[in-house]
Amino acid sequence: DVMYEGNYAVIPYVIPGKYVTYAFSYTGGALIQWCADVLAKEEKLQAAARHLSVNELLEQEYIKKRGDVPGKLLVLPHFAGAATPYMDAGSRGAILGLTTDSRVYDIYRACMEGVVYEMLLNFHLLVKSGIGCKKMAATGGGAKSKIWMQMKADILDIPITALSTSDAGTVGASMLTGLAIGAFRDLADAAAQMVQETVTYQPNKERHRMYIKNYERYVNLYRAVRPLVGGER
């Protein structure tokens, strides 16, 4: 069974009769922050002089030098272990394909792509289990990056809408509290008043095909790298 083998929990949802499952990673935005903090100290100074965040600078520099296309590097984003579908605390991250021509923005871009390839891996397994998904909503710091959001839409090949809130959990708790005290008629009313959509990113079919070529190599990374790092699961 895909759900069992993929370690996907299934729990009751707030709407009676509905259920929710979780596909997650231990490193998403944290990996991007690691790359910026550890590898891009000089770029941070350059970004400050140009009144940009280091993230914006690295995103823009990659596109300026390489184009808005998939990179040549592959990153296995298991820098804090692997979550679903592997649930392997002993797995470790890897950066593959480095050459003397590789730059910090190449590694940064590869980290962005690796996080989304891991999302696609989980997405494919959930679809295989019978769970359909025609669109997604994104929240948190990553939803503020137009380049990363477009990349997610391109790789996953579905529309993704960014939400204005940066802390969806807190907003969700507030909605349930408001419903409990009678501030909202129902959850739909709460969502209408408290959830604000910003931009919807449509997938680019040509870039999707390019990303999938890299993804077909990415799906082999875990099993190739895992024996090399040793350790227990």
Protein backbone atom coordinates (compact mmCIF):
# COMPACT_ATOMS: atom_id res chain seq x y z
CA ASP A 1 0.00 0.00 0.00
CA VAL A 2 1.42 3.36 -1.08
CA MET A 3 0.19 5.25 1.99
CA TYR A 4 1.66 2.70 4.39
CA GLU A 5 4.98 2.26 2.62
CA GLY A 6 5.32 6.02 2.16
CA ASN A 7 4.76 6.69 5.89
CA TYR A 8 1.82 8.99 5.20
CA ALA A 9 -0.35 9.59 8.25
CA VAL A 10 -4.11 9.91 7.72
CA ILE A 11 -6.04 11.76 10.42
CA PRO A 12 -9.53 13.27 10.78
CA TYR A 13 -9.91 16.77 9.35
CA VAL A 14 -11.77 19.66 10.99
CA ILE A 15 -14.65 19.11 8.55
CA PRO A 16 -16.63 16.04 9.71
CA GLY A 17 -16.20 13.06 7.40
CA LYS A 18 -13.04 14.46 5.82
CA TYR A 19 -9.45 13.37 6.36
CA VAL A 20 -6.03 14.93 5.86
CA THR A 21 -2.65 13.39 5.09
CA TYR A 22 0.81 14.88 5.46
CA ALA A 23 3.72 14.83 3.05
CA PHE A 24 6.58 16.84 4.46
CA SER A 25 10.30 17.56 4.46
CA TYR A 26 12.61 18.50 7.31
CA THR A 27 14.43 21.02 5.13
CA GLY A 28 12.58 23.47 2.92
CA GLY A 29 13.15 27.10 3.69
CA ALA A 30 15.79 26.01 6.20
CA LEU A 31 17.96 24.61 3.41
CA ILE A 32 17.62 27.81 1.41
CA GLN A 33 18.59 29.82 4.49
CA TRP A 34 21.58 27.54 5.13
CA CYS A 35 22.82 28.09 1.60
CA ALA A 36 22.49 31.87 1.92
CA ASP A 37 24.07 32.04 5.39
CA VAL A 38 26.98 29.65 4.85
CA LEU A 39 27.87 30.03 1.18
CA ALA A 40 26.77 33.55 0.26
CA LYS A 41 28.43 35.87 2.78
CA GLU A 42 29.98 38.03 0.07
CA GLU A 43 26.69 38.07 -1.82
CA LYS A 44 24.94 39.32 1.33
CA LEU A 45 27.11 42.44 1.24
CA GLN A 46 26.40 42.93 -2.45
CA ALA A 47 22.67 42.50 -1.85
CA ALA A 48 22.65 45.06 0.96
CA ALA A 49 24.37 47.60 -1.28
CA ARG A 50 21.65 47.05 -3.89
CA HIS A 51 18.82 47.11 -1.30
CA LEU A 52 17.94 43.48 -1.99
CA SER A 53 17.74 40.40 0.17
CA VAL A 54 20.50 37.88 -0.49
CA ASN A 55 17.79 35.48 -1.66
CA GLU A 56 16.59 37.94 -4.29
CA LEU A 57 20.16 38.59 -5.44
CA LEU A 58 21.00 34.91 -5.86
CA GLU A 59 17.71 34.20 -7.66
CA GLN A 60 18.25 37.10 -10.05
CA GLU A 61 21.93 36.36 -10.66
CA TYR A 62 21.16 32.79 -11.66
CA ILE A 63 18.54 33.88 -14.21
CA LYS A 64 20.82 36.65 -15.49
CA LYS A 65 23.75 34.27 -16.05
CA ARG A 66 22.01 30.95 -16.82
CA GLY A 67 18.47 31.86 -17.87
CA ASP A 68 15.19 30.82 -16.25
CA VAL A 69 15.85 27.14 -16.91
CA PRO A 70 16.70 24.12 -14.73
CA GLY A 71 20.24 24.05 -13.39
CA LYS A 72 22.92 21.45 -14.08
CA LEU A 73 23.41 20.60 -10.39
CA LEU A 74 21.28 18.24 -8.33
CA VAL A 75 20.74 18.60 -4.59
CA LEU A 76 19.39 15.88 -2.33
CA PRO A 77 17.79 18.10 0.35
CA HIS A 78 18.20 15.66 3.25
CA PHE A 79 20.38 18.05 5.27
CA ALA A 80 18.43 17.18 8.43
CA GLY A 81 17.42 13.66 7.45
CA ALA A 82 14.62 12.48 5.19
CA ALA A 83 10.92 12.80 5.97
CA THR A 84 8.19 11.27 3.78
CA PRO A 85 8.28 8.94 2.01
CA TYR A 86 11.51 7.56 3.51
CA MET A 87 11.37 8.67 7.18
CA ASP A 88 15.11 8.12 7.43
CA ALA A 89 16.82 10.26 10.06
CA GLY A 90 20.21 8.95 8.94
CA SER A 91 19.93 10.19 5.36
CA ARG A 92 22.16 13.13 4.48
CA GLY A 93 22.15 15.86 1.89
CA ALA A 94 24.30 15.90 -1.21
CA ILE A 95 25.26 18.33 -3.97
CA LEU A 96 26.10 16.60 -7.24
CA GLY A 97 27.52 17.87 -10.51
CA LEU A 98 29.87 20.56 -9.18
CA THR A 99 32.59 21.87 -11.48
CA THR A 100 35.04 24.76 -11.37
CA ASP A 101 32.42 26.77 -13.28
CA SER A 102 29.83 26.32 -10.50
CA ARG A 103 28.94 29.48 -8.60
CA VAL A 104 27.06 30.17 -5.40
CA TYR A 105 23.92 31.07 -7.34
CA ASP A 106 24.09 27.67 -9.07
CA ILE A 107 24.11 25.87 -5.72
CA TYR A 108 21.36 28.13 -4.41
CA ARG A 109 19.19 27.40 -7.44
CA ALA A 110 19.87 23.67 -7.10
CA CYS A 111 18.76 23.80 -3.46
CA MET A 112 15.51 25.45 -4.54
CA GLU A 113 14.98 22.80 -7.20
CA GLY A 114 15.88 19.91 -4.87
CA VAL A 115 13.26 20.94 -2.35
CA VAL A 116 10.60 20.98 -5.07
CA TYR A 117 11.75 17.69 -6.60
CA GLU A 118 11.23 16.14 -3.17
CA MET A 119 7.73 17.65 -3.18
CA LEU A 120 7.08 16.12 -6.60
CA LEU A 121 8.28 12.72 -5.37
CA ASN A 122 5.66 12.83 -2.61
CA PHE A 123 3.06 14.28 -4.96
CA HIS A 124 3.46 11.39 -7.40
CA LEU A 125 3.08 8.83 -4.61
CA LEU A 126 -0.07 10.49 -3.27
CA VAL A 127 -1.57 10.57 -6.77
CA LYS A 128 -0.66 6.90 -7.16
CA SER A 129 -2.60 6.17 -3.96
CA GLY A 130 -5.72 7.75 -5.49
CA ILE A 131 -5.51 11.25 -4.01
CA GLY A 132 -6.24 13.81 -6.70
CA CYS A 133 -4.85 17.35 -6.67
CA LYS A 134 -5.62 19.94 -9.33
CA LYS A 135 -4.30 23.05 -7.55
CA MET A 136 -2.32 24.07 -4.49
CA ALA A 137 -2.07 26.96 -2.05
CA ALA A 138 1.24 28.12 -0.59
CA THR A 139 1.97 30.03 2.59
CA GLY A 140 5.01 31.01 4.62
CA GLY A 141 8.21 32.74 3.60
CA GLY A 142 8.69 30.67 0.46
CA ALA A 143 5.40 31.94 -0.95
CA LYS A 144 6.91 35.43 -1.14
CA SER A 145 9.45 34.38 -3.76
CA LYS A 146 7.91 34.79 -7.20
CA ILE A 147 10.72 32.81 -8.80
CA TRP A 148 10.39 29.87 -6.39
CA MET A 149 6.60 29.88 -6.68
CA GLN A 150 6.79 29.77 -10.48
CA MET A 151 9.34 26.96 -10.22
CA LYS A 152 6.95 24.97 -8.02
CA ALA A 153 4.10 25.45 -10.49
CA ASP A 154 6.37 24.42 -13.38
CA ILE A 155 7.76 21.31 -11.68
CA LEU A 156 4.48 20.12 -10.14
CA ASP A 157 2.58 21.09 -13.31
CA ILE A 158 -0.41 22.54 -11.44
CA PRO A 159 -1.53 26.09 -10.57
CA ILE A 160 -0.27 27.31 -7.19
CA THR A 161 -1.81 30.27 -5.37
CA ALA A 162 0.19 32.26 -2.83
CA LEU A 163 -1.65 33.30 0.33
CA SER A 164 -0.97 36.58 2.10
CA THR A 165 -0.46 35.04 5.54
CA SER A 166 3.00 33.90 6.58
CA ASP A 167 1.73 31.68 9.41
CA ALA A 168 -1.12 29.48 8.24
CA GLY A 169 -1.23 27.47 11.47
CA THR A 170 -1.96 30.53 13.57
CA VAL A 171 -4.62 31.72 11.14
CA GLY A 172 -6.23 28.28 11.13
CA ALA A 173 -6.33 28.20 14.93
CA SER A 174 -7.90 31.67 14.93
CA MET A 175 -10.55 30.52 12.47
CA LEU A 176 -11.48 27.56 14.66
CA THR A 177 -11.59 29.78 17.74
CA GLY A 178 -13.80 32.28 15.95
CA LEU A 179 -16.12 29.49 14.86
CA ALA A 180 -16.32 28.15 18.42
CA ILE A 181 -17.37 31.51 19.86
CA GLY A 182 -19.85 32.25 17.09
CA ALA A 183 -17.85 34.88 15.22
CA PHE A 184 -18.28 32.92 11.96
CA ARG A 185 -21.25 31.03 10.53
CA ASP A 186 -19.07 28.14 9.38
CA LEU A 187 -15.55 27.40 8.19
CA ALA A 188 -16.32 28.69 4.71
CA ASP A 189 -17.31 32.03 6.23
CA ALA A 190 -14.14 32.05 8.33
CA ALA A 191 -11.98 31.32 5.29
CA ALA A 192 -13.69 34.03 3.26
CA GLN A 193 -12.90 36.60 5.94
CA MET A 194 -9.42 35.51 7.01
CA VAL A 195 -7.73 33.84 4.03
CA GLN A 196 -6.52 36.17 1.32
CA GLU A 197 -5.15 34.95 -1.99
CA THR A 198 -2.52 37.01 -3.79
CA VAL A 199 -1.06 35.60 -7.02
CA THR A 200 -1.79 32.35 -8.85
CA TYR A 201 1.16 30.90 -10.76
CA GLN A 202 0.34 28.85 -13.84
CA PRO A 203 2.69 26.05 -14.93
CA ASN A 204 4.85 26.53 -18.00
CA LYS A 205 4.64 23.29 -20.00
CA GLU A 206 7.98 23.71 -21.77
CA ARG A 207 9.88 24.30 -18.53
CA HIS A 208 7.98 21.40 -16.93
CA ARG A 209 9.38 19.04 -19.54
CA MET A 210 12.88 20.37 -18.89
CA TYR A 211 12.54 19.94 -15.13
CA ILE A 212 11.20 16.40 -15.52
CA LYS A 213 14.40 15.37 -17.32
CA ASN A 214 16.34 16.40 -14.20
CA TYR A 215 13.74 14.85 -11.92
CA GLU A 216 14.18 11.49 -13.61
CA ARG A 217 17.78 11.59 -12.36
CA TYR A 218 16.78 13.01 -8.99
CA VAL A 219 14.58 10.04 -8.05
CA ASN A 220 17.70 7.85 -8.02
CA LEU A 221 19.70 10.08 -5.66
CA TYR A 222 18.48 8.76 -2.30
CA ARG A 223 19.30 5.14 -3.03
CA ALA A 224 22.62 6.09 -4.64
CA VAL A 225 23.79 8.35 -1.80
CA ARG A 226 22.36 6.52 1.21
CA PRO A 227 24.92 3.67 1.36
CA LEU A 228 27.77 6.20 1.19
CA VAL A 229 26.81 8.17 4.31
CA GLY A 230 26.29 5.14 6.57
CA GLY A 231 24.47 5.40 9.89
CA GLU A 232 21.17 3.98 11.05
CA ARG A 233 17.74 4.98 9.85
